[in-house]
PDB file of N, CA and C in Angstrom:
ATOM      1  N   MET A   1       0.811  -1.190   0.000  1.00  0.00           N
ATOM      2  CA  MET A   1       0.000   0.000   0.000  1.00  0.00           C
ATOM      3  C   MET A   1       0.858   1.258   0.000  1.00  0.00           C
ATOM      4  N   MET A   2       2.130   1.121   0.368  1.00  0.00           N
ATOM      5  CA  MET A   2       2.988   2.284   0.433  1.00  0.00           C
ATOM      6  C   MET A   2       3.178   2.926  -0.952  1.00  0.00           C
ATOM      7  N   TYR A   3       3.176   2.128  -1.991  1.00  0.00           N
ATOM      8  CA  TYR A   3       3.405   2.659  -3.336  1.00  0.00           C
ATOM      9  C   TYR A   3       2.163   3.316  -3.922  1.00  0.00           C
ATOM     10  N   ALA A   4       1.015   3.197  -3.275  1.00  0.00           N
ATOM     11  CA  ALA A   4      -0.221   3.802  -3.773  1.00  0.00           C
ATOM     12  C   ALA A   4      -0.429   5.211  -3.230  1.00  0.00           C
ATOM     13  N   ALA A   5       0.540   5.738  -2.495  1.00  0.00           N
ATOM     14  CA  ALA A   5       0.404   7.090  -1.934  1.00  0.00           C
ATOM     15  C   ALA A   5       0.388   8.127  -3.047  1.00  0.00           C
ATOM     16  N   PRO A   6      -0.342   9.233  -2.863  1.00  0.00           N
ATOM     17  CA  PRO A   6      -0.427  10.259  -3.908  1.00  0.00           C
ATOM     18  C   PRO A   6       0.926  10.818  -4.329  1.00  0.00           C
ATOM     19  N   SER A   7       1.877  10.897  -3.407  1.00  0.00           N
ATOM     20  CA  SER A   7       3.179  11.457  -3.761  1.00  0.00           C
ATOM     21  C   SER A   7       3.913  10.558  -4.761  1.00  0.00           C
ATOM     22  N   TYR A   8       3.772   9.266  -4.631  1.00  0.00           N
ATOM     23  CA  TYR A   8       4.423   8.353  -5.572  1.00  0.00           C
ATOM     24  C   TYR A   8       3.746   8.403  -6.941  1.00  0.00           C
ATOM     25  N   ARG A   9       2.439   8.554  -6.950  1.00  0.00           N
ATOM     26  CA  ARG A   9       1.714   8.652  -8.212  1.00  0.00           C
ATOM     27  C   ARG A   9       2.140   9.920  -8.968  1.00  0.00           C
ATOM     28  N   LEU A  10       2.218  11.038  -8.256  1.00  0.00           N
ATOM     29  CA  LEU A  10       2.654  12.283  -8.884  1.00  0.00           C
ATOM     30  C   LEU A  10       4.103  12.185  -9.354  1.00  0.00           C
ATOM     31  N   PHE A  11       4.939  11.528  -8.563  1.00  0.00           N
ATOM     32  CA  PHE A  11       6.334  11.341  -8.954  1.00  0.00           C
ATOM     33  C   PHE A  11       6.426  10.503 -10.229  1.00  0.00           C
ATOM     34  N   PHE A  12       5.639   9.454 -10.330  1.00  0.00           N
ATOM     35  CA  PHE A  12       5.630   8.603 -11.514  1.00  0.00           C
ATOM     36  C   PHE A  12       5.163   9.377 -12.742  1.00  0.00           C
ATOM     37  N   ILE A  13       4.101  10.169 -12.576  1.00  0.00           N
ATOM     38  CA  ILE A  13       3.592  10.970 -13.701  1.00  0.00           C
ATOM     39  C   ILE A  13       4.640  11.996 -14.129  1.00  0.00           C
ATOM     40  N   GLY A  14       5.303  12.617 -13.170  1.00  0.00           N
ATOM     41  CA  GLY A  14       6.363  13.580 -13.485  1.00  0.00           C
ATOM     42  C   GLY A  14       7.513  12.939 -14.234  1.00  0.00           C
ATOM     43  N   CYS A  15       7.916  11.741 -13.810  1.00  0.00           N
ATOM     44  CA  CYS A  15       8.993  11.031 -14.504  1.00  0.00           C
ATOM     45  C   CYS A  15       8.591  10.648 -15.925  1.00  0.00           C
ATOM     46  N   ALA A  16       7.350  10.221 -16.091  1.00  0.00           N
ATOM     47  CA  ALA A  16       6.871   9.842 -17.427  1.00  0.00           C
ATOM     48  C   ALA A  16       6.811  11.054 -18.351  1.00  0.00           C
ATOM     49  N   LEU A  17       6.322  12.176 -17.841  1.00  0.00           N
ATOM     50  CA  LEU A  17       6.269  13.395 -18.659  1.00  0.00           C
ATOM     51  C   LEU A  17       7.667  13.890 -19.010  1.00  0.00           C
ATOM     52  N   PHE A  18       8.577  13.823 -18.049  1.00  0.00           N
ATOM     53  CA  PHE A  18       9.953  14.235 -18.325  1.00  0.00           C
ATOM     54  C   PHE A  18      10.587  13.352 -19.383  1.00  0.00           C
ATOM     55  N   GLY A  19      10.393  12.050 -19.289  1.00  0.00           N
ATOM     56  CA  GLY A  19      10.943  11.135 -20.286  1.00  0.00           C
ATOM     57  C   GLY A  19      10.391  11.390 -21.673  1.00  0.00           C
ATOM     58  N   PHE A  20       9.108  11.716 -21.753  1.00  0.00           N
ATOM     59  CA  PHE A  20       8.498  12.043 -23.041  1.00  0.00           C
ATOM     60  C   PHE A  20       9.054  13.354 -23.580  1.00  0.00           C
ATOM     61  N   TYR A  21       9.154  14.361 -22.719  1.00  0.00           N
ATOM     62  CA  TYR A  21       9.640  15.678 -23.114  1.00  0.00           C
ATOM     63  C   TYR A  21      11.109  15.638 -23.516  1.00  0.00           C
ATOM     64  N   TRP A  22      11.909  14.849 -22.818  1.00  0.00           N
ATOM     65  CA  TRP A  22      13.360  14.804 -23.037  1.00  0.00           C
ATOM     66  C   TRP A  22      13.706  14.360 -24.457  1.00  0.00           C
ATOM     67  N   ASN A  23      12.957  13.424 -25.000  1.00  0.00           N
ATOM     68  CA  ASN A  23      13.244  12.951 -26.363  1.00  0.00           C
ATOM     69  C   ASN A  23      13.133  14.067 -27.391  1.00  0.00           C
ATOM     70  N   PHE A  24      12.169  14.944 -27.231  1.00  0.00           N
ATOM     71  CA  PHE A  24      11.989  16.044 -28.176  1.00  0.00           C
ATOM     72  C   PHE A  24      12.948  17.190 -27.897  1.00  0.00           C
ATOM     73  N   TYR A  25      13.198  17.469 -26.622  1.00  0.00           N
ATOM     74  CA  TYR A  25      14.075  18.575 -26.277  1.00  0.00           C
ATOM     75  C   TYR A  25      15.511  18.294 -26.698  1.00  0.00           C
ATOM     76  N   LEU A  26      15.941  17.065 -26.544  1.00  0.00           N
ATOM     77  CA  LEU A  26      17.329  16.729 -26.853  1.00  0.00           C
ATOM     78  C   LEU A  26      17.662  17.000 -28.316  1.00  0.00           C
ATOM     79  N   THR A  27      16.780  16.647 -29.223  1.00  0.00           N
ATOM     80  CA  THR A  27      17.055  16.901 -30.635  1.00  0.00           C
ATOM     81  C   THR A  27      17.046  18.399 -30.938  1.00  0.00           C
ATOM     82  N   LEU A  28      16.150  19.148 -30.328  1.00  0.00           N
ATOM     83  CA  LEU A  28      16.134  20.597 -30.508  1.00  0.00           C
ATOM     84  C   LEU A  28      17.415  21.212 -29.963  1.00  0.00           C
ATOM     85  N   HIS A  29      17.817  20.767 -28.788  1.00  0.00           N
ATOM     86  CA  HIS A  29      19.001  21.309 -28.120  1.00  0.00           C
ATOM     87  C   HIS A  29      20.267  21.033 -28.927  1.00  0.00           C
ATOM     88  N   LEU A  30      20.441  19.823 -29.387  1.00  0.00           N
ATOM     89  CA  LEU A  30      21.644  19.486 -30.157  1.00  0.00           C
ATOM     90  C   LEU A  30      21.720  20.277 -31.457  1.00  0.00           C
ATOM     91  N   GLY A  31      20.607  20.417 -32.139  1.00  0.00           N
ATOM     92  CA  GLY A  31      20.597  21.195 -33.370  1.00  0.00           C
ATOM     93  C   GLY A  31      20.880  22.660 -33.130  1.00  0.00           C
ATOM     94  N   MET A  32      20.347  23.184 -32.041  1.00  0.00           N
ATOM     95  CA  MET A  32      20.554  24.585 -31.718  1.00  0.00           C
ATOM     96  C   MET A  32      22.011  24.858 -31.353  1.00  0.00           C
ATOM     97  N   VAL A  33      22.613  23.976 -30.594  1.00  0.00           N
ATOM     98  CA  VAL A  33      24.017  24.150 -30.219  1.00  0.00           C
ATOM     99  C   VAL A  33      24.911  24.041 -31.452  1.00  0.00           C
ATOM    100  N   ALA A  34      24.640  23.090 -32.314  1.00  0.00           N
ATOM    101  CA  ALA A  34      25.451  22.928 -33.520  1.00  0.00           C
ATOM    102  C   ALA A  34      25.334  24.150 -34.431  1.00  0.00           C
ATOM    103  N   ARG A  35      24.159  24.737 -34.492  1.00  0.00           N
ATOM    104  CA  ARG A  35      23.955  25.901 -35.354  1.00  0.00           C
ATOM    105  C   ARG A  35      24.543  27.175 -34.753  1.00  0.00           C
ATOM    106  N   ALA A  36      24.533  27.296 -33.442  1.00  0.00           N
ATOM    107  CA  ALA A  36      25.007  28.510 -32.783  1.00  0.00           C
ATOM    108  C   ALA A  36      26.521  28.565 -32.650  1.00  0.00           C
ATOM    109  N   ASP A  37      27.175  27.419 -32.599  1.00  0.00           N
ATOM    110  CA  ASP A  37      28.622  27.377 -32.367  1.00  0.00           C
ATOM    111  C   ASP A  37      29.350  27.055 -33.659  1.00  0.00           C
ATOM    112  N   ASN A  38      30.073  28.020 -34.182  1.00  0.00           N
ATOM    113  CA  ASN A  38      30.811  27.809 -35.432  1.00  0.00           C
ATOM    114  C   ASN A  38      32.096  27.016 -35.243  1.00  0.00           C
ATOM    115  N   THR A  39      32.624  26.982 -34.017  1.00  0.00           N
ATOM    116  CA  THR A  39      33.881  26.278 -33.790  1.00  0.00           C
ATOM    117  C   THR A  39      33.700  24.778 -33.641  1.00  0.00           C
ATOM    118  N   GLY A  40      32.519  24.329 -33.256  1.00  0.00           N
ATOM    119  CA  GLY A  40      32.271  22.896 -33.072  1.00  0.00           C
ATOM    120  C   GLY A  40      32.623  22.392 -31.690  1.00  0.00           C
ATOM    121  N   ARG A  41      33.044  23.267 -30.796  1.00  0.00           N
ATOM    122  CA  ARG A  41      33.401  22.834 -29.443  1.00  0.00           C
ATOM    123  C   ARG A  41      32.176  22.601 -28.564  1.00  0.00           C
ATOM    124  N   GLY A  42      31.117  23.335 -28.807  1.00  0.00           N
ATOM    125  CA  GLY A  42      29.931  23.230 -27.965  1.00  0.00           C
ATOM    126  C   GLY A  42      29.211  21.901 -28.092  1.00  0.00           C
ATOM    127  N   ILE A  43      29.196  21.343 -29.284  1.00  0.00           N
ATOM    128  CA  ILE A  43      28.497  20.075 -29.495  1.00  0.00           C
ATOM    129  C   ILE A  43      29.193  18.928 -28.766  1.00  0.00           C
ATOM    130  N   VAL A  44      30.484  19.067 -28.505  1.00  0.00           N
ATOM    131  CA  VAL A  44      31.212  18.046 -27.744  1.00  0.00           C
ATOM    132  C   VAL A  44      30.708  18.010 -26.307  1.00  0.00           C
ATOM    133  N   LEU A  45      30.392  19.169 -25.762  1.00  0.00           N
ATOM    134  CA  LEU A  45      29.890  19.247 -24.394  1.00  0.00           C
ATOM    135  C   LEU A  45      28.510  18.607 -24.265  1.00  0.00           C
ATOM    136  N   CYS A  46      27.748  18.569 -25.332  1.00  0.00           N
ATOM    137  CA  CYS A  46      26.383  18.023 -25.285  1.00  0.00           C
ATOM    138  C   CYS A  46      26.362  16.541 -24.936  1.00  0.00           C
ATOM    139  N   GLY A  47      27.418  15.817 -25.209  1.00  0.00           N
ATOM    140  CA  GLY A  47      27.460  14.408 -24.845  1.00  0.00           C
ATOM    141  C   GLY A  47      27.739  14.187 -23.374  1.00  0.00           C
ATOM    142  N   VAL A  48      28.445  15.118 -22.753  1.00  0.00           N
ATOM    143  CA  VAL A  48      28.856  14.977 -21.361  1.00  0.00           C
ATOM    144  C   VAL A  48      27.897  15.675 -20.400  1.00  0.00           C
ATOM    145  N   ALA A  49      27.309  16.775 -20.825  1.00  0.00           N
ATOM    146  CA  ALA A  49      26.482  17.591 -19.932  1.00  0.00           C
ATOM    147  C   ALA A  49      25.299  16.835 -19.323  1.00  0.00           C
ATOM    148  N   PRO A  50      24.541  16.016 -20.086  1.00  0.00           N
ATOM    149  CA  PRO A  50      23.442  15.280 -19.429  1.00  0.00           C
ATOM    150  C   PRO A  50      23.920  14.320 -18.344  1.00  0.00           C
ATOM    151  N   SER A  51      25.076  13.710 -18.534  1.00  0.00           N
ATOM    152  CA  SER A  51      25.597  12.794 -17.510  1.00  0.00           C
ATOM    153  C   SER A  51      25.990  13.547 -16.249  1.00  0.00           C
ATOM    154  N   ILE A  52      26.634  14.679 -16.428  1.00  0.00           N
ATOM    155  CA  ILE A  52      27.012  15.491 -15.267  1.00  0.00           C
ATOM    156  C   ILE A  52      25.753  16.001 -14.565  1.00  0.00           C
ATOM    157  N   GLY A  53      24.769  16.423 -15.337  1.00  0.00           N
ATOM    158  CA  GLY A  53      23.519  16.898 -14.767  1.00  0.00           C
ATOM    159  C   GLY A  53      22.773  15.819 -14.011  1.00  0.00           C
ATOM    160  N   THR A  54      22.844  14.593 -14.501  1.00  0.00           N
ATOM    161  CA  THR A  54      22.187  13.482 -13.807  1.00  0.00           C
ATOM    162  C   THR A  54      22.823  13.228 -12.452  1.00  0.00           C
ATOM    163  N   VAL A  55      24.136  13.261 -12.396  1.00  0.00           N
ATOM    164  CA  VAL A  55      24.833  13.013 -11.132  1.00  0.00           C
ATOM    165  C   VAL A  55      24.585  14.148 -10.141  1.00  0.00           C
ATOM    166  N   ILE A  56      24.807  15.373 -10.585  1.00  0.00           N
ATOM    167  CA  ILE A  56      24.650  16.513  -9.679  1.00  0.00           C
ATOM    168  C   ILE A  56      23.182  16.733  -9.334  1.00  0.00           C
ATOM    169  N   GLY A  57      22.287  16.599 -10.320  1.00  0.00           N
ATOM    170  CA  GLY A  57      20.863  16.801 -10.078  1.00  0.00           C
ATOM    171  C   GLY A  57      20.282  15.786  -9.116  1.00  0.00           C
ATOM    172  N   SER A  58      20.702  14.543  -9.219  1.00  0.00           N
ATOM    173  CA  SER A  58      20.211  13.518  -8.288  1.00  0.00           C
ATOM    174  C   SER A  58      20.656  13.816  -6.861  1.00  0.00           C
ATOM    175  N   PHE A  59      21.891  14.234  -6.721  1.00  0.00           N
ATOM    176  CA  PHE A  59      22.403  14.557  -5.389  1.00  0.00           C
ATOM    177  C   PHE A  59      21.668  15.749  -4.789  1.00  0.00           C
ATOM    178  N   LEU A  60      21.557  16.835  -5.564  1.00  0.00           N
ATOM    179  CA  LEU A  60      20.885  18.033  -5.047  1.00  0.00           C
ATOM    180  C   LEU A  60      19.387  17.796  -4.858  1.00  0.00           C
ATOM    181  N   GLY A  61      18.771  17.026  -5.742  1.00  0.00           N
ATOM    182  CA  GLY A  61      17.355  16.701  -5.576  1.00  0.00           C
ATOM    183  C   GLY A  61      17.108  15.881  -4.327  1.00  0.00           C
ATOM    184  N   GLY A  62      18.013  14.978  -4.017  1.00  0.00           N
ATOM    185  CA  GLY A  62      17.892  14.189  -2.797  1.00  0.00           C
ATOM    186  C   GLY A  62      17.990  15.041  -1.544  1.00  0.00           C
ATOM    187  N   LEU A  63      18.785  16.089  -1.611  1.00  0.00           N
ATOM    188  CA  LEU A  63      18.900  16.992  -0.465  1.00  0.00           C
ATOM    189  C   LEU A  63      17.628  17.803  -0.243  1.00  0.00           C
ATOM    190  N   LEU A  64      16.841  17.997  -1.302  1.00  0.00           N
ATOM    191  CA  LEU A  64      15.615  18.791  -1.190  1.00  0.00           C
ATOM    192  C   LEU A  64      14.423  17.997  -0.664  1.00  0.00           C
ATOM    193  N   VAL A  65      14.471  16.676  -0.728  1.00  0.00           N
ATOM    194  CA  VAL A  65      13.348  15.850  -0.273  1.00  0.00           C
ATOM    195  C   VAL A  65      13.278  15.895   1.247  1.00  0.00           C
ATOM    196  N   GLU A  66      12.079  16.182   1.751  1.00  0.00           N
ATOM    197  CA  GLU A  66      11.856  16.228   3.196  1.00  0.00           C
ATOM    198  C   GLU A  66      10.851  15.163   3.569  1.00  0.00           C
ATOM    199  N   GLY A  67      11.290  14.093   4.164  1.00  0.00           N
ATOM    200  CA  GLY A  67      10.401  12.996   4.530  1.00  0.00           C
ATOM    201  C   GLY A  67       9.854  12.323   3.285  1.00  0.00           C
ATOM    202  N   THR A  68       8.535  12.370   3.120  1.00  0.00           N
ATOM    203  CA  THR A  68       7.922  11.806   1.917  1.00  0.00           C
ATOM    204  C   THR A  68       7.380  12.899   0.997  1.00  0.00           C
ATOM    205  N   SER A  69       7.758  14.146   1.251  1.00  0.00           N
ATOM    206  CA  SER A  69       7.272  15.261   0.451  1.00  0.00           C
ATOM    207  C   SER A  69       8.275  15.621  -0.644  1.00  0.00           C
ATOM    208  N   TYR A  70       7.790  15.593  -1.884  1.00  0.00           N
ATOM    209  CA  TYR A  70       8.619  15.972  -3.030  1.00  0.00           C
ATOM    210  C   TYR A  70       8.299  17.390  -3.494  1.00  0.00           C
ATOM    211  N   LEU A  71       7.564  18.137  -2.685  1.00  0.00           N
ATOM    212  CA  LEU A  71       7.093  19.453  -3.102  1.00  0.00           C
ATOM    213  C   LEU A  71       8.242  20.424  -3.359  1.00  0.00           C
ATOM    214  N   SER A  72       9.237  20.452  -2.489  1.00  0.00           N
ATOM    215  CA  SER A  72      10.357  21.376  -2.698  1.00  0.00           C
ATOM    216  C   SER A  72      11.154  20.990  -3.946  1.00  0.00           C
ATOM    217  N   SER A  73      11.298  19.699  -4.210  1.00  0.00           N
ATOM    218  CA  SER A  73      11.978  19.254  -5.433  1.00  0.00           C
ATOM    219  C   SER A  73      11.173  19.621  -6.667  1.00  0.00           C
ATOM    220  N   ALA A  74       9.850  19.476  -6.584  1.00  0.00           N
ATOM    221  CA  ALA A  74       8.993  19.820  -7.719  1.00  0.00           C
ATOM    222  C   ALA A  74       9.023  21.312  -7.995  1.00  0.00           C
ATOM    223  N   ARG A  75       9.015  22.111  -6.962  1.00  0.00           N
ATOM    224  CA  ARG A  75       9.085  23.565  -7.146  1.00  0.00           C
ATOM    225  C   ARG A  75      10.414  23.972  -7.770  1.00  0.00           C
ATOM    226  N   THR A  76      11.490  23.432  -7.250  1.00  0.00           N
ATOM    227  CA  THR A  76      12.811  23.752  -7.793  1.00  0.00           C
ATOM    228  C   THR A  76      12.921  23.298  -9.246  1.00  0.00           C
ATOM    229  N   GLY A  77      12.435  22.112  -9.537  1.00  0.00           N
ATOM    230  CA  GLY A  77      12.461  21.617 -10.913  1.00  0.00           C
ATOM    231  C   GLY A  77      11.626  22.461 -11.853  1.00  0.00           C
ATOM    232  N   SER A  78      10.470  22.917 -11.384  1.00  0.00           N
ATOM    233  CA  SER A  78       9.613  23.772 -12.204  1.00  0.00           C
ATOM    234  C   SER A  78      10.274  25.109 -12.490  1.00  0.00           C
ATOM    235  N   ILE A  79      10.896  25.684 -11.484  1.00  0.00           N
ATOM    236  CA  ILE A  79      11.593  26.961 -11.675  1.00  0.00           C
ATOM    237  C   ILE A  79      12.757  26.807 -12.648  1.00  0.00           C
ATOM    238  N   LEU A  80      13.532  25.737 -12.492  1.00  0.00           N
ATOM    239  CA  LEU A  80      14.656  25.504 -13.406  1.00  0.00           C
ATOM    240  C   LEU A  80      14.182  25.216 -14.821  1.00  0.00           C
ATOM    241  N   CYS A  81      13.047  24.552 -14.957  1.00  0.00           N
ATOM    242  CA  CYS A  81      12.488  24.281 -16.281  1.00  0.00           C
ATOM    243  C   CYS A  81      12.069  25.586 -16.965  1.00  0.00           C
ATOM    244  N   ILE A  82      11.443  26.479 -16.216  1.00  0.00           N
ATOM    245  CA  ILE A  82      11.035  27.766 -16.774  1.00  0.00           C
ATOM    246  C   ILE A  82      12.265  28.590 -17.171  1.00  0.00           C
ATOM    247  N   ILE A  83      13.304  28.561 -16.343  1.00  0.00           N
ATOM    248  CA  ILE A  83      14.542  29.258 -16.695  1.00  0.00           C
ATOM    249  C   ILE A  83      15.161  28.658 -17.949  1.00  0.00           C
ATOM    250  N   GLY A  84      15.145  27.338 -18.056  1.00  0.00           N
ATOM    251  CA  GLY A  84      15.681  26.672 -19.248  1.00  0.00           C
ATOM    252  C   GLY A  84      14.924  27.021 -20.513  1.00  0.00           C
ATOM    253  N   ILE A  85      13.597  27.076 -20.412  1.00  0.00           N
ATOM    254  CA  ILE A  85      12.786  27.454 -21.571  1.00  0.00           C
ATOM    255  C   ILE A  85      13.081  28.894 -21.972  1.00  0.00           C
ATOM    256  N   ALA A  86      13.226  29.783 -20.990  1.00  0.00           N
ATOM    257  CA  ALA A  86      13.538  31.183 -21.290  1.00  0.00           C
ATOM    258  C   ALA A  86      14.903  31.310 -21.961  1.00  0.00           C
ATOM    259  N   CYS A  87      15.883  30.555 -21.486  1.00  0.00           N
ATOM    260  CA  CYS A  87      17.214  30.590 -22.108  1.00  0.00           C
ATOM    261  C   CYS A  87      17.173  30.027 -23.528  1.00  0.00           C
ATOM    262  N   THR A  88      16.404  28.966 -23.732  1.00  0.00           N
ATOM    263  CA  THR A  88      16.275  28.380 -25.071  1.00  0.00           C
ATOM    264  C   THR A  88      15.629  29.368 -26.030  1.00  0.00           C
ATOM    265  N   LEU A  89      14.555  30.023 -25.593  1.00  0.00           N
ATOM    266  CA  LEU A  89      13.883  31.003 -26.448  1.00  0.00           C
ATOM    267  C   LEU A  89      14.773  32.212 -26.727  1.00  0.00           C
ATOM    268  N   ALA A  90      15.536  32.645 -25.730  1.00  0.00           N
ATOM    269  CA  ALA A  90      16.453  33.769 -25.936  1.00  0.00           C
ATOM    270  C   ALA A  90      17.537  33.407 -26.945  1.00  0.00           C
ATOM    271  N   THR A  91      18.042  32.194 -26.870  1.00  0.00           N
ATOM    272  CA  THR A  91      19.060  31.754 -27.824  1.00  0.00           C
ATOM    273  C   THR A  91      18.487  31.649 -29.220  1.00  0.00           C
ATOM    274  N   MET A  92      17.264  31.130 -29.337  1.00  0.00           N
ATOM    275  CA  MET A  92      16.655  30.975 -30.657  1.00  0.00           C
ATOM    276  C   MET A  92      16.360  32.329 -31.304  1.00  0.00           C
ATOM    277  N   THR A  93      15.994  33.329 -30.509  1.00  0.00           N
ATOM    278  CA  THR A  93      15.706  34.639 -31.099  1.00  0.00           C
ATOM    279  C   THR A  93      16.970  35.365 -31.531  1.00  0.00           C
ATOM    280  N   ARG A  94      18.102  35.064 -30.915  1.00  0.00           N
ATOM    281  CA  ARG A  94      19.363  35.706 -31.282  1.00  0.00           C
ATOM    282  C   ARG A  94      20.022  35.078 -32.502  1.00  0.00           C
ATOM    283  N   MET A  95      19.632  33.867 -32.835  1.00  0.00           N
ATOM    284  CA  MET A  95      20.265  33.164 -33.957  1.00  0.00           C
ATOM    285  C   MET A  95      19.707  33.665 -35.275  1.00  0.00           C
ATOM    286  N   LYS A  96      20.561  33.665 -36.279  1.00  0.00           N
ATOM    287  CA  LYS A  96      20.134  34.056 -37.618  1.00  0.00           C
ATOM    288  C   LYS A  96      19.403  32.892 -38.264  1.00  0.00           C
ATOM    289  N   SER A  97      18.446  33.229 -39.111  1.00  0.00           N
ATOM    290  CA  SER A  97      17.733  32.164 -39.800  1.00  0.00           C
ATOM    291  C   SER A  97      18.633  31.554 -40.865  1.00  0.00           C
ATOM    292  N   VAL A  98      18.501  30.266 -41.044  1.00  0.00           N
ATOM    293  CA  VAL A  98      19.320  29.525 -41.998  1.00  0.00           C
ATOM    294  C   VAL A  98      18.406  28.913 -43.038  1.00  0.00           C
ATOM    295  N   LYS A  99      18.751  29.130 -44.287  1.00  0.00           N
ATOM    296  CA  LYS A  99      17.979  28.508 -45.363  1.00  0.00           C
ATOM    297  C   LYS A  99      18.687  27.222 -45.751  1.00  0.00           C
ATOM    298  N   VAL A 100      17.964  26.146 -45.706  1.00  0.00           N
ATOM    299  CA  VAL A 100      18.530  24.841 -46.013  1.00  0.00           C
ATOM    300  C   VAL A 100      17.920  24.350 -47.315  1.00  0.00           C
ATOM    301  N   PHE A 101      18.777  23.996 -48.239  1.00  0.00           N
ATOM    302  CA  PHE A 101      18.320  23.441 -49.491  1.00  0.00           C
ATOM    303  C   PHE A 101      18.642  21.954 -49.519  1.00  0.00           C
ATOM    304  N   VAL A 102      17.639  21.164 -49.689  1.00  0.00           N
ATOM    305  CA  VAL A 102      17.809  19.725 -49.738  1.00  0.00           C
ATOM    306  C   VAL A 102      17.615  19.293 -51.185  1.00  0.00           C
ATOM    307  N   SER A 103      18.658  18.742 -51.735  1.00  0.00           N
ATOM    308  CA  SER A 103      18.543  18.280 -53.119  1.00  0.00           C
ATOM    309  C   SER A 103      18.074  16.836 -53.128  1.00  0.00           C
ATOM    310  N   THR A 104      17.198  16.533 -54.024  1.00  0.00           N
ATOM    311  CA  THR A 104      16.711  15.163 -54.158  1.00  0.00           C
ATOM    312  C   THR A 104      17.348  14.541 -55.377  1.00  0.00           C
ATOM    313  N   PRO A 105      17.706  13.293 -55.278  1.00  0.00           N
ATOM    314  CA  PRO A 105      18.320  12.651 -56.450  1.00  0.00           C
ATOM    315  C   PRO A 105      17.294  12.437 -57.553  1.00  0.00           C
ATOM    316  N   HIS A 106      17.740  12.606 -58.758  1.00  0.00           N
ATOM    317  CA  HIS A 106      16.880  12.379 -59.900  1.00  0.00           C
ATOM    318  C   HIS A 106      16.871  10.898 -60.236  1.00  0.00           C
ATOM    319  N   VAL A 107      15.698  10.359 -60.360  1.00  0.00           N
ATOM    320  CA  VAL A 107      15.557   8.948 -60.633  1.00  0.00           C
ATOM    321  C   VAL A 107      15.221   8.789 -62.121  1.00  0.00           C
ATOM    322  N   LEU A 108      16.037   8.022 -62.782  1.00  0.00           N
ATOM    323  CA  LEU A 108      15.791   7.764 -64.197  1.00  0.00           C
ATOM    324  C   LEU A 108      14.878   6.558 -64.331  1.00  0.00           C
ATOM    325  N   SER A 109      13.841   6.715 -65.126  1.00  0.00           N
ATOM    326  CA  SER A 109      12.959   5.569 -65.324  1.00  0.00           C
ATOM    327  C   SER A 109      12.916   5.175 -66.762  1.00  0.00           C
TER     328      SER A 109
END
């Protein structure tokens, strides 16, 4: 019965939503970093940054949990998510638009 508590249900829903969101955000993030950095050094960091964030985020998130309440962790995560979205939008507005031409091969029949 311990796993049927409302806090665990909300935690599960939050994890599922994050996992769904992460798949779409990661592709946007990698493309944005590759387009914004002409030197190519920034895209190298993209492979390491999620791992570092997982280690540090788990540790700091664990420090925020009080008993069985995840409210302080949820608030902190929500604030950081809003800051991340604002930074992403600010970066996208500063970038120049790129016209991409995709050539299709001609098929002889």
